[in-house]
Amino acid sequence: MLTTLELWIIIIGMTVPFLATALGAAAVFLFRGQISDKVNSILLGFAAGVMIAASVWSLIIPSLEFATASGWGKLAIIPVAVGFVLGVLFLWLIDHLVPHMHHRSKDEEGLPAKKMSNDVKLFLAMTIHNFPEGIAVGFAFAVAYAGITNPDSVSISLFSALALSIGMAIQNIPEGAAVSLPMARRLESKGKAFGFGVASAIVEPIGAILAFLFATVFQALLPWFLSFAAGAMMFVVVEDLIPEANLSGTEHQGTFAVMLGFVLMMILDIVLG
């Protein structure tokens, strides 16, 4: 059974990324103009670095350890690799089915939807970015919960799962600002841009709760779930965040921001984990 403190850590961990995205989206009320391409590249690059580190340190490595302890032995790489590929394919499928538009490149992807406004397409693009983060946090807390209910199992600590949540929250603040500020200019409405940013982030706690409940029921599949979440997040990084960070021609700023985000998330995971 969970103690009251453990329950609150899980609740807070699943909520913080959403609140951070909302905080980042609130930047539309603090800045009059649009942020420069250089700053936008730094913000998106930083978010990409955090997600890469979170995928490795908080998801793939625990997935490998859990699979090894679960009887896979030297074949533990199988659920890790297959789960990762499935996560990539899942996000690839969503990317090709859901109509959406990227605010910097103006590229439209997904199934044709001529009657759908560009506002909605921008909102859906933001939602696709946030969903993998939610399921990653949910699966991480499911692994921690497995260790609490079964002390003999290999698991990560609640604080390690919380580190992942905090890392997602840290990168959600600049990412929320990087998306909402250009959207405010495009929509000519700060309130509407903020509303879209907050609404797109709702999928994070929803995804976290669903992932947590699903994984606690099927604990034997936790190695697959963790690597699945890692693959989904890496798809977002490679497909969207890094290319968007480099659109302005300020590749070096974006590159160093990726490195900074990676190091910060790595330190956070090691210190709290």
C-alpha atoms as a PDB file:
ATOM      1  CA  MET A   1       0.000   0.000   0.000  1.00  0.00           C
ATOM      2  CA  LEU A   2       1.092   3.528  -0.684  1.00  0.00           C
ATOM      3  CA  THR A   3       1.694   5.921   2.157  1.00  0.00           C
ATOM      4  CA  THR A   4       0.116   9.383   2.031  1.00  0.00           C
ATOM      5  CA  LEU A   5       3.490  10.920   1.146  1.00  0.00           C
ATOM      6  CA  GLU A   6       4.084   8.444  -1.677  1.00  0.00           C
ATOM      7  CA  LEU A   7       0.615   9.068  -3.060  1.00  0.00           C
ATOM      8  CA  TRP A   8       1.180  12.820  -3.060  1.00  0.00           C
ATOM      9  CA  ILE A   9       4.542  12.436  -4.792  1.00  0.00           C
ATOM     10  CA  ILE A  10       2.813  10.512  -7.583  1.00  0.00           C
ATOM     11  CA  ILE A  11      -0.005  13.046  -7.859  1.00  0.00           C
ATOM     12  CA  ILE A  12       2.391  15.986  -7.926  1.00  0.00           C
ATOM     13  CA  GLY A  13       4.686  14.211 -10.369  1.00  0.00           C
ATOM     14  CA  MET A  14       1.862  13.656 -12.824  1.00  0.00           C
ATOM     15  CA  THR A  15       0.616  17.231 -12.499  1.00  0.00           C
ATOM     16  CA  VAL A  16       3.796  19.324 -12.574  1.00  0.00           C
ATOM     17  CA  PRO A  17       4.544  18.956 -16.329  1.00  0.00           C
ATOM     18  CA  PHE A  18       1.051  20.232 -17.178  1.00  0.00           C
ATOM     19  CA  LEU A  19       1.391  23.212 -14.842  1.00  0.00           C
ATOM     20  CA  ALA A  20       4.815  24.006 -16.310  1.00  0.00           C
ATOM     21  CA  THR A  21       3.429  24.044 -19.841  1.00  0.00           C
ATOM     22  CA  ALA A  22       0.660  26.376 -18.724  1.00  0.00           C
ATOM     23  CA  LEU A  23       3.269  28.607 -17.072  1.00  0.00           C
ATOM     24  CA  GLY A  24       5.292  28.710 -20.282  1.00  0.00           C
ATOM     25  CA  ALA A  25       2.193  29.498 -22.318  1.00  0.00           C
ATOM     26  CA  ALA A  26       1.489  32.395 -19.940  1.00  0.00           C
ATOM     27  CA  ALA A  27       4.548  34.126 -21.384  1.00  0.00           C
ATOM     28  CA  VAL A  28       2.196  35.624 -23.993  1.00  0.00           C
ATOM     29  CA  PHE A  29       0.961  38.013 -21.296  1.00  0.00           C
ATOM     30  CA  LEU A  30       4.478  39.086 -20.311  1.00  0.00           C
ATOM     31  CA  PHE A  31       6.037  39.813 -23.702  1.00  0.00           C
ATOM     32  CA  ARG A  32       4.641  42.270 -26.186  1.00  0.00           C
ATOM     33  CA  GLY A  33       6.430  41.087 -29.276  1.00  0.00           C
ATOM     34  CA  GLN A  34       7.529  37.785 -30.690  1.00  0.00           C
ATOM     35  CA  ILE A  35      10.702  36.146 -29.417  1.00  0.00           C
ATOM     36  CA  SER A  36      13.632  36.160 -31.842  1.00  0.00           C
ATOM     37  CA  ASP A  37      14.566  33.163 -33.951  1.00  0.00           C
ATOM     38  CA  LYS A  38      17.766  32.844 -31.937  1.00  0.00           C
ATOM     39  CA  VAL A  39      15.934  32.621 -28.609  1.00  0.00           C
ATOM     40  CA  ASN A  40      13.344  30.280 -30.098  1.00  0.00           C
ATOM     41  CA  SER A  41      16.096  27.958 -31.321  1.00  0.00           C
ATOM     42  CA  ILE A  42      17.674  27.927 -27.867  1.00  0.00           C
ATOM     43  CA  LEU A  43      14.361  27.117 -26.171  1.00  0.00           C
ATOM     44  CA  LEU A  44      13.500  24.292 -28.563  1.00  0.00           C
ATOM     45  CA  GLY A  45      17.050  22.925 -28.469  1.00  0.00           C
ATOM     46  CA  PHE A  46      16.999  22.892 -24.672  1.00  0.00           C
ATOM     47  CA  ALA A  47      13.694  20.994 -24.694  1.00  0.00           C
ATOM     48  CA  ALA A  48      15.165  18.466 -27.122  1.00  0.00           C
ATOM     49  CA  GLY A  49      18.215  17.896 -24.911  1.00  0.00           C
ATOM     50  CA  VAL A  50      16.090  17.260 -21.833  1.00  0.00           C
ATOM     51  CA  MET A  51      13.922  14.764 -23.707  1.00  0.00           C
ATOM     52  CA  ILE A  52      16.934  12.891 -25.095  1.00  0.00           C
ATOM     53  CA  ALA A  53      18.508  12.557 -21.642  1.00  0.00           C
ATOM     54  CA  ALA A  54      15.169  11.554 -20.098  1.00  0.00           C
ATOM     55  CA  SER A  55      14.745   8.863 -22.753  1.00  0.00           C
ATOM     56  CA  VAL A  56      18.160   7.383 -21.972  1.00  0.00           C
ATOM     57  CA  TRP A  57      18.573   7.804 -18.211  1.00  0.00           C
ATOM     58  CA  SER A  58      14.975   7.586 -17.006  1.00  0.00           C
ATOM     59  CA  LEU A  59      13.475   5.153 -19.510  1.00  0.00           C
ATOM     60  CA  ILE A  60      15.859   3.006 -21.565  1.00  0.00           C
ATOM     61  CA  ILE A  61      18.333   2.156 -18.789  1.00  0.00           C
ATOM     62  CA  PRO A  62      15.570   1.242 -16.259  1.00  0.00           C
ATOM     63  CA  SER A  63      13.848  -0.732 -19.032  1.00  0.00           C
ATOM     64  CA  LEU A  64      17.017  -2.780 -19.597  1.00  0.00           C
ATOM     65  CA  GLU A  65      17.523  -3.363 -15.866  1.00  0.00           C
ATOM     66  CA  PHE A  66      13.893  -4.386 -15.361  1.00  0.00           C
ATOM     67  CA  ALA A  67      13.983  -6.776 -18.348  1.00  0.00           C
ATOM     68  CA  THR A  68      17.214  -8.371 -17.127  1.00  0.00           C
ATOM     69  CA  ALA A  69      15.766  -8.961 -13.660  1.00  0.00           C
ATOM     70  CA  SER A  70      12.506 -10.269 -15.121  1.00  0.00           C
ATOM     71  CA  GLY A  71      14.140 -13.331 -16.634  1.00  0.00           C
ATOM     72  CA  TRP A  72      15.234 -12.073 -20.046  1.00  0.00           C
ATOM     73  CA  GLY A  73      18.893 -12.281 -19.037  1.00  0.00           C
ATOM     74  CA  LYS A  74      21.215 -11.656 -21.994  1.00  0.00           C
ATOM     75  CA  LEU A  75      18.150 -11.275 -24.217  1.00  0.00           C
ATOM     76  CA  ALA A  76      16.961  -8.253 -22.243  1.00  0.00           C
ATOM     77  CA  ILE A  77      17.785  -6.046 -25.204  1.00  0.00           C
ATOM     78  CA  ILE A  78      14.843  -7.579 -27.106  1.00  0.00           C
ATOM     79  CA  PRO A  79      11.946  -5.924 -25.192  1.00  0.00           C
ATOM     80  CA  VAL A  80      13.981  -2.716 -24.952  1.00  0.00           C
ATOM     81  CA  ALA A  81      14.699  -2.521 -28.683  1.00  0.00           C
ATOM     82  CA  VAL A  82      11.292  -3.738 -29.819  1.00  0.00           C
ATOM     83  CA  GLY A  83       9.468  -1.434 -27.403  1.00  0.00           C
ATOM     84  CA  PHE A  84      11.535   1.515 -28.619  1.00  0.00           C
ATOM     85  CA  VAL A  85      10.733   0.758 -32.261  1.00  0.00           C
ATOM     86  CA  LEU A  86       7.029   0.382 -31.440  1.00  0.00           C
ATOM     87  CA  GLY A  87       7.075   3.786 -29.735  1.00  0.00           C
ATOM     88  CA  VAL A  88       8.649   5.356 -32.812  1.00  0.00           C
ATOM     89  CA  LEU A  89       6.112   3.699 -35.115  1.00  0.00           C
ATOM     90  CA  PHE A  90       3.228   4.752 -32.882  1.00  0.00           C
ATOM     91  CA  LEU A  91       4.208   8.437 -33.037  1.00  0.00           C
ATOM     92  CA  TRP A  92       4.955   8.107 -36.752  1.00  0.00           C
ATOM     93  CA  LEU A  93       1.423   6.784 -37.261  1.00  0.00           C
ATOM     94  CA  ILE A  94      -0.098   9.641 -35.253  1.00  0.00           C
ATOM     95  CA  ASP A  95       2.060  12.112 -37.180  1.00  0.00           C
ATOM     96  CA  HIS A  96       0.712  10.764 -40.476  1.00  0.00           C
ATOM     97  CA  LEU A  97      -2.927  10.467 -39.428  1.00  0.00           C
ATOM     98  CA  VAL A  98      -3.626  13.553 -37.300  1.00  0.00           C
ATOM     99  CA  PRO A  99      -3.832  16.805 -39.328  1.00  0.00           C
ATOM    100  CA  HIS A 100      -1.440  19.358 -37.847  1.00  0.00           C
ATOM    101  CA  MET A 101       0.821  22.259 -38.729  1.00  0.00           C
ATOM    102  CA  HIS A 102       4.212  23.316 -37.400  1.00  0.00           C
ATOM    103  CA  HIS A 103       4.274  27.001 -36.546  1.00  0.00           C
ATOM    104  CA  ARG A 104       7.790  27.780 -37.803  1.00  0.00           C
ATOM    105  CA  SER A 105       8.085  25.710 -40.977  1.00  0.00           C
ATOM    106  CA  LYS A 106       4.375  26.150 -41.848  1.00  0.00           C
ATOM    107  CA  ASP A 107       4.445  22.540 -43.050  1.00  0.00           C
ATOM    108  CA  GLU A 108       1.123  20.701 -42.861  1.00  0.00           C
ATOM    109  CA  GLU A 109       1.182  17.001 -42.064  1.00  0.00           C
ATOM    110  CA  GLY A 110      -1.327  14.230 -41.473  1.00  0.00           C
ATOM    111  CA  LEU A 111      -4.485  13.447 -43.394  1.00  0.00           C
ATOM    112  CA  PRO A 112      -5.903  16.267 -45.545  1.00  0.00           C
ATOM    113  CA  ALA A 113      -8.342  18.443 -43.599  1.00  0.00           C
ATOM    114  CA  LYS A 114      -9.184  21.498 -45.667  1.00  0.00           C
ATOM    115  CA  LYS A 115     -12.126  22.447 -43.455  1.00  0.00           C
ATOM    116  CA  MET A 116      -9.968  22.440 -40.339  1.00  0.00           C
ATOM    117  CA  SER A 117      -8.572  25.855 -39.410  1.00  0.00           C
ATOM    118  CA  ASN A 118      -4.847  26.458 -39.091  1.00  0.00           C
ATOM    119  CA  ASP A 119      -5.442  27.343 -35.435  1.00  0.00           C
ATOM    120  CA  VAL A 120      -6.688  23.846 -34.724  1.00  0.00           C
ATOM    121  CA  LYS A 121      -3.828  22.310 -36.709  1.00  0.00           C
ATOM    122  CA  LEU A 122      -1.313  24.259 -34.639  1.00  0.00           C
ATOM    123  CA  PHE A 123      -3.076  23.095 -31.478  1.00  0.00           C
ATOM    124  CA  LEU A 124      -2.898  19.460 -32.601  1.00  0.00           C
ATOM    125  CA  ALA A 125       0.819  19.806 -33.318  1.00  0.00           C
ATOM    126  CA  MET A 126       1.349  21.017 -29.736  1.00  0.00           C
ATOM    127  CA  THR A 127      -0.755  18.133 -28.428  1.00  0.00           C
ATOM    128  CA  ILE A 128       1.297  15.550 -30.338  1.00  0.00           C
ATOM    129  CA  HIS A 129       4.428  16.993 -28.695  1.00  0.00           C
ATOM    130  CA  ASN A 130       2.995  16.715 -25.182  1.00  0.00           C
ATOM    131  CA  PHE A 131       1.400  13.265 -25.272  1.00  0.00           C
ATOM    132  CA  PRO A 132       4.642  11.182 -25.193  1.00  0.00           C
ATOM    133  CA  GLU A 133       5.841  13.136 -22.173  1.00  0.00           C
ATOM    134  CA  GLY A 134       2.703  12.209 -20.254  1.00  0.00           C
ATOM    135  CA  ILE A 135       2.954   8.494 -20.938  1.00  0.00           C
ATOM    136  CA  ALA A 136       6.676   8.543 -20.092  1.00  0.00           C
ATOM    137  CA  VAL A 137       5.954  10.033 -16.667  1.00  0.00           C
ATOM    138  CA  GLY A 138       3.104   7.580 -16.084  1.00  0.00           C
ATOM    139  CA  PHE A 139       5.230   4.537 -16.930  1.00  0.00           C
ATOM    140  CA  ALA A 140       8.100   5.798 -14.746  1.00  0.00           C
ATOM    141  CA  PHE A 141       5.824   6.102 -11.725  1.00  0.00           C
ATOM    142  CA  ALA A 142       4.391   2.663 -12.522  1.00  0.00           C
ATOM    143  CA  VAL A 143       7.889   1.180 -12.226  1.00  0.00           C
ATOM    144  CA  ALA A 144       8.392   2.994  -8.917  1.00  0.00           C
ATOM    145  CA  TYR A 145       5.016   1.720  -7.713  1.00  0.00           C
ATOM    146  CA  ALA A 146       6.005  -1.836  -8.663  1.00  0.00           C
ATOM    147  CA  GLY A 147       9.012  -1.542  -6.376  1.00  0.00           C
ATOM    148  CA  ILE A 148       6.854  -0.312  -3.491  1.00  0.00           C
ATOM    149  CA  THR A 149       4.295  -3.108  -3.801  1.00  0.00           C
ATOM    150  CA  ASN A 150       6.945  -5.766  -4.524  1.00  0.00           C
ATOM    151  CA  PRO A 151      10.222  -4.889  -2.771  1.00  0.00           C
ATOM    152  CA  ASP A 152      11.993  -7.858  -4.392  1.00  0.00           C
ATOM    153  CA  SER A 153      11.508  -6.456  -7.894  1.00  0.00           C
ATOM    154  CA  VAL A 154      13.957  -4.179  -9.665  1.00  0.00           C
ATOM    155  CA  SER A 155      12.556  -0.694  -9.870  1.00  0.00           C
ATOM    156  CA  ILE A 156      13.396   2.966  -9.839  1.00  0.00           C
ATOM    157  CA  SER A 157      12.675   5.090  -6.799  1.00  0.00           C
ATOM    158  CA  LEU A 158       9.781   7.495  -6.554  1.00  0.00           C
ATOM    159  CA  PHE A 159      12.326  10.301  -6.523  1.00  0.00           C
ATOM    160  CA  SER A 160      13.843   9.029  -9.765  1.00  0.00           C
ATOM    161  CA  ALA A 161      10.394   9.077 -11.356  1.00  0.00           C
ATOM    162  CA  LEU A 162       9.902  12.531  -9.871  1.00  0.00           C
ATOM    163  CA  ALA A 163      13.204  13.592 -11.465  1.00  0.00           C
ATOM    164  CA  LEU A 164      11.794  12.642 -14.857  1.00  0.00           C
ATOM    165  CA  SER A 165       8.649  14.624 -14.090  1.00  0.00           C
ATOM    166  CA  ILE A 166      10.666  17.660 -13.019  1.00  0.00           C
ATOM    167  CA  GLY A 167      12.832  17.374 -16.107  1.00  0.00           C
ATOM    168  CA  MET A 168       9.748  17.351 -18.312  1.00  0.00           C
ATOM    169  CA  ALA A 169       8.410  20.345 -16.402  1.00  0.00           C
ATOM    170  CA  ILE A 170      11.659  22.301 -16.804  1.00  0.00           C
ATOM    171  CA  GLN A 171      11.661  21.864 -20.558  1.00  0.00           C
ATOM    172  CA  ASN A 172       7.911  22.448 -20.806  1.00  0.00           C
ATOM    173  CA  ILE A 173       8.279  26.037 -19.620  1.00  0.00           C
ATOM    174  CA  PRO A 174      10.491  27.239 -22.495  1.00  0.00           C
ATOM    175  CA  GLU A 175       8.752  24.900 -24.940  1.00  0.00           C
ATOM    176  CA  GLY A 176       5.354  26.302 -23.957  1.00  0.00           C
ATOM    177  CA  ALA A 177       6.662  29.826 -24.464  1.00  0.00           C
ATOM    178  CA  ALA A 178       8.355  28.955 -27.752  1.00  0.00           C
ATOM    179  CA  VAL A 179       5.071  27.659 -29.134  1.00  0.00           C
ATOM    180  CA  SER A 180       2.551  30.065 -27.601  1.00  0.00           C
ATOM    181  CA  LEU A 181       4.363  33.343 -28.368  1.00  0.00           C
ATOM    182  CA  PRO A 182       4.440  32.826 -32.154  1.00  0.00           C
ATOM    183  CA  MET A 183       0.882  31.513 -31.990  1.00  0.00           C
ATOM    184  CA  ALA A 184      -0.280  34.711 -30.241  1.00  0.00           C
ATOM    185  CA  ARG A 185       1.047  36.769 -33.110  1.00  0.00           C
ATOM    186  CA  ARG A 186      -0.502  34.465 -35.677  1.00  0.00           C
ATOM    187  CA  LEU A 187      -3.904  34.404 -33.956  1.00  0.00           C
ATOM    188  CA  GLU A 188      -3.729  38.067 -32.922  1.00  0.00           C
ATOM    189  CA  SER A 189      -5.043  37.009 -29.529  1.00  0.00           C
ATOM    190  CA  LYS A 190      -2.943  36.381 -26.425  1.00  0.00           C
ATOM    191  CA  GLY A 191      -5.866  34.811 -24.589  1.00  0.00           C
ATOM    192  CA  LYS A 192      -6.559  32.370 -27.396  1.00  0.00           C
ATOM    193  CA  ALA A 193      -2.881  31.430 -27.698  1.00  0.00           C
ATOM    194  CA  PHE A 194      -2.696  30.814 -23.944  1.00  0.00           C
ATOM    195  CA  GLY A 195      -5.874  28.739 -24.070  1.00  0.00           C
ATOM    196  CA  PHE A 196      -4.493  26.577 -26.868  1.00  0.00           C
ATOM    197  CA  GLY A 197      -1.255  26.067 -24.924  1.00  0.00           C
ATOM    198  CA  VAL A 198      -3.041  24.979 -21.758  1.00  0.00           C
ATOM    199  CA  ALA A 199      -5.515  22.767 -23.617  1.00  0.00           C
ATOM    200  CA  SER A 200      -2.721  20.994 -25.498  1.00  0.00           C
ATOM    201  CA  ALA A 201      -1.017  20.192 -22.183  1.00  0.00           C
ATOM    202  CA  ILE A 202      -4.074  18.471 -20.697  1.00  0.00           C
ATOM    203  CA  VAL A 203      -3.034  15.296 -22.535  1.00  0.00           C
ATOM    204  CA  GLU A 204       0.022  15.090 -20.254  1.00  0.00           C
ATOM    205  CA  PRO A 205      -1.738  14.272 -16.950  1.00  0.00           C
ATOM    206  CA  ILE A 206      -4.361  12.253 -18.830  1.00  0.00           C
ATOM    207  CA  GLY A 207      -1.665  10.242 -20.601  1.00  0.00           C
ATOM    208  CA  ALA A 208       0.267   9.837 -17.347  1.00  0.00           C
ATOM    209  CA  ILE A 209      -2.746   8.515 -15.432  1.00  0.00           C
ATOM    210  CA  LEU A 210      -3.755   6.099 -18.205  1.00  0.00           C
ATOM    211  CA  ALA A 211      -0.185   4.859 -18.631  1.00  0.00           C
ATOM    212  CA  PHE A 212       0.206   4.413 -14.868  1.00  0.00           C
ATOM    213  CA  LEU A 213      -3.034   2.436 -14.513  1.00  0.00           C
ATOM    214  CA  PHE A 214      -2.323   0.287 -17.554  1.00  0.00           C
ATOM    215  CA  ALA A 215       1.247  -0.485 -16.509  1.00  0.00           C
ATOM    216  CA  THR A 216       0.318  -1.347 -12.907  1.00  0.00           C
ATOM    217  CA  VAL A 217      -2.096  -3.962 -14.242  1.00  0.00           C
ATOM    218  CA  PHE A 218       0.424  -5.422 -16.696  1.00  0.00           C
ATOM    219  CA  GLN A 219       3.632  -5.054 -14.678  1.00  0.00           C
ATOM    220  CA  ALA A 220       5.369  -7.841 -16.609  1.00  0.00           C
ATOM    221  CA  LEU A 221       5.329  -5.578 -19.663  1.00  0.00           C
ATOM    222  CA  LEU A 222       7.024  -2.637 -17.934  1.00  0.00           C
ATOM    223  CA  PRO A 223      10.303  -2.999 -19.890  1.00  0.00           C
ATOM    224  CA  TRP A 224       8.311  -2.733 -23.108  1.00  0.00           C
ATOM    225  CA  PHE A 225       6.317   0.264 -21.830  1.00  0.00           C
ATOM    226  CA  LEU A 226       9.389   2.222 -20.726  1.00  0.00           C
ATOM    227  CA  SER A 227      11.249   1.768 -24.004  1.00  0.00           C
ATOM    228  CA  PHE A 228       8.009   2.480 -25.902  1.00  0.00           C
ATOM    229  CA  ALA A 229       7.792   5.868 -24.189  1.00  0.00           C
ATOM    230  CA  ALA A 230      11.456   6.509 -24.975  1.00  0.00           C
ATOM    231  CA  GLY A 231      10.902   5.773 -28.654  1.00  0.00           C
ATOM    232  CA  ALA A 232       7.869   8.045 -28.777  1.00  0.00           C
ATOM    233  CA  MET A 233       9.780  10.929 -27.201  1.00  0.00           C
ATOM    234  CA  MET A 234      12.807  10.448 -29.434  1.00  0.00           C
ATOM    235  CA  PHE A 235      10.563  10.587 -32.503  1.00  0.00           C
ATOM    236  CA  VAL A 236       9.273  13.995 -31.410  1.00  0.00           C
ATOM    237  CA  VAL A 237      12.829  15.207 -30.811  1.00  0.00           C
ATOM    238  CA  VAL A 238      14.222  14.076 -34.164  1.00  0.00           C
ATOM    239  CA  GLU A 239      11.129  14.769 -36.249  1.00  0.00           C
ATOM    240  CA  ASP A 240      10.133  18.155 -34.834  1.00  0.00           C
ATOM    241  CA  LEU A 241      12.172  19.812 -32.086  1.00  0.00           C
ATOM    242  CA  ILE A 242      15.688  19.670 -33.547  1.00  0.00           C
ATOM    243  CA  PRO A 243      14.634  20.600 -37.117  1.00  0.00           C
ATOM    244  CA  GLU A 244      12.514  23.469 -35.757  1.00  0.00           C
ATOM    245  CA  ALA A 245      15.436  24.663 -33.630  1.00  0.00           C
ATOM    246  CA  ASN A 246      17.665  24.854 -36.701  1.00  0.00           C
ATOM    247  CA  LEU A 247      15.285  26.645 -39.066  1.00  0.00           C
ATOM    248  CA  SER A 248      16.551  30.126 -38.276  1.00  0.00           C
ATOM    249  CA  GLY A 249      20.141  29.451 -39.276  1.00  0.00           C
ATOM    250  CA  THR A 250      21.320  29.660 -35.658  1.00  0.00           C
ATOM    251  CA  GLU A 251      22.399  26.035 -35.509  1.00  0.00           C
ATOM    252  CA  HIS A 252      25.197  26.544 -32.980  1.00  0.00           C
ATOM    253  CA  GLN A 253      22.916  28.148 -30.397  1.00  0.00           C
ATOM    254  CA  GLY A 254      20.379  25.374 -30.820  1.00  0.00           C
ATOM    255  CA  THR A 255      23.093  22.700 -30.644  1.00  0.00           C
ATOM    256  CA  PHE A 256      24.597  24.021 -27.417  1.00  0.00           C
ATOM    257  CA  ALA A 257      21.104  24.335 -25.968  1.00  0.00           C
ATOM    258  CA  VAL A 258      20.538  20.628 -26.706  1.00  0.00           C
ATOM    259  CA  MET A 259      23.753  19.787 -24.843  1.00  0.00           C
ATOM    260  CA  LEU A 260      22.781  21.984 -21.894  1.00  0.00           C
ATOM    261  CA  GLY A 261      19.352  20.341 -21.651  1.00  0.00           C
ATOM    262  CA  PHE A 262      20.909  16.880 -21.810  1.00  0.00           C
ATOM    263  CA  VAL A 263      23.444  17.602 -19.050  1.00  0.00           C
ATOM    264  CA  LEU A 264      20.837  19.214 -16.797  1.00  0.00           C
ATOM    265  CA  MET A 265      18.449  16.265 -17.098  1.00  0.00           C
ATOM    266  CA  MET A 266      21.289  13.784 -16.584  1.00  0.00           C
ATOM    267  CA  ILE A 267      22.391  15.558 -13.396  1.00  0.00           C
ATOM    268  CA  LEU A 268      18.794  15.752 -12.174  1.00  0.00           C
ATOM    269  CA  ASP A 269      18.235  12.045 -12.699  1.00  0.00           C
ATOM    270  CA  ILE A 270      21.489  11.022 -11.007  1.00  0.00           C
ATOM    271  CA  VAL A 271      21.056  13.347  -8.017  1.00  0.00           C
ATOM    272  CA  LEU A 272      17.410  12.470  -7.334  1.00  0.00           C
ATOM    273  CA  GLY A 273      17.614   8.881  -8.545  1.00  0.00           C
END
